[in-house]
Amino acid sequence: MEHTLSPVDWYMRILEPLNSTMKLDIIERLSESLKSKATYAAKTTSHSDFFDELTGAWEDEHSVEDEMSK
């Protein structure tokens, strides 16, 4: 029977021999990546909110009708 490691166990085997400073650096980077993703997720709580933020991204004095008639 084949035993496969979970991703967490696999990473732990890789990280185990690292010194404390390196491990703390990894923890810090992981924390920062989670914070930046949480900030982005908070800004775009839903797909409709995300697309609403894009509305008007290209603003000028021309209406849609003007652009289509060109």
Protein backbone atom coordinates (compact mmCIF):
# COMPACT_ATOMS: atom_id res chain seq x y z
CA MET A 1 0.00 0.00 0.00
CA GLU A 2 1.39 3.34 -1.05
CA HIS A 3 1.48 6.14 1.50
CA THR A 4 1.29 9.68 0.15
CA LEU A 5 2.16 12.71 2.19
CA SER A 6 -0.27 15.54 2.61
CA PRO A 7 1.01 18.85 1.23
CA VAL A 8 1.52 20.13 4.79
CA ASP A 9 3.54 17.07 5.79
CA TRP A 10 5.58 17.34 2.59
CA TYR A 11 6.43 20.99 3.32
CA MET A 12 7.23 20.23 6.93
CA ARG A 13 9.78 17.62 5.84
CA ILE A 14 11.42 20.21 3.60
CA LEU A 15 11.38 22.92 6.27
CA GLU A 16 12.50 20.76 9.20
CA PRO A 17 16.25 21.10 8.63
CA LEU A 18 16.14 24.90 8.28
CA ASN A 19 17.43 27.05 11.10
CA SER A 20 15.11 29.19 13.23
CA THR A 21 15.92 32.42 11.39
CA MET A 22 14.96 30.93 8.04
CA LYS A 23 11.76 29.47 9.45
CA LEU A 24 10.79 32.82 10.96
CA ASP A 25 11.45 34.50 7.61
CA ILE A 26 9.13 32.00 5.91
CA ILE A 27 6.46 32.60 8.56
CA GLU A 28 6.75 36.36 8.04
CA ARG A 29 6.44 36.04 4.26
CA LEU A 30 3.46 33.71 4.52
CA SER A 31 1.79 36.12 6.95
CA GLU A 32 2.35 39.04 4.59
CA SER A 33 0.94 37.09 1.65
CA LEU A 34 -2.16 36.26 3.68
CA LYS A 35 -2.59 39.88 4.74
CA SER A 36 -2.34 41.15 1.17
CA LYS A 37 -4.86 38.54 -0.02
CA ALA A 38 -7.20 39.40 2.85
CA THR A 39 -6.96 43.09 1.99
CA TYR A 40 -7.72 42.37 -1.68
CA ALA A 41 -10.60 40.07 -0.71
CA ALA A 42 -12.04 42.74 1.57
CA LYS A 43 -11.89 45.27 -1.26
CA THR A 44 -13.58 42.95 -3.75
CA THR A 45 -16.15 41.08 -1.72
CA SER A 46 -18.05 39.79 -4.73
CA HIS A 47 -17.75 39.51 -8.47
CA SER A 48 -20.34 42.23 -8.97
CA ASP A 49 -18.39 44.58 -6.68
CA PHE A 50 -15.23 43.78 -8.61
CA PHE A 51 -16.82 44.64 -11.95
CA ASP A 52 -18.50 47.71 -10.47
CA GLU A 53 -15.01 48.97 -9.55
CA LEU A 54 -13.94 48.57 -13.17
CA THR A 55 -16.89 50.57 -14.45
CA GLY A 56 -15.68 53.95 -15.58
CA ALA A 57 -12.07 52.83 -15.63
CA TRP A 58 -11.82 54.37 -19.07
CA GLU A 59 -13.42 57.74 -18.71
CA ASP A 60 -13.63 60.36 -21.40
CA GLU A 61 -16.18 62.78 -22.80
CA HIS A 62 -17.50 60.34 -25.45
CA SER A 63 -20.66 58.36 -24.85
CA VAL A 64 -21.01 54.71 -25.77
CA GLU A 65 -23.12 55.70 -28.75
CA ASP A 66 -20.38 58.07 -29.97
CA GLU A 67 -17.77 55.32 -29.68
CA MET A 68 -19.93 52.82 -31.55
CA SER A 69 -20.61 55.21 -34.42
CA LYS A 70 -16.90 55.68 -35.13
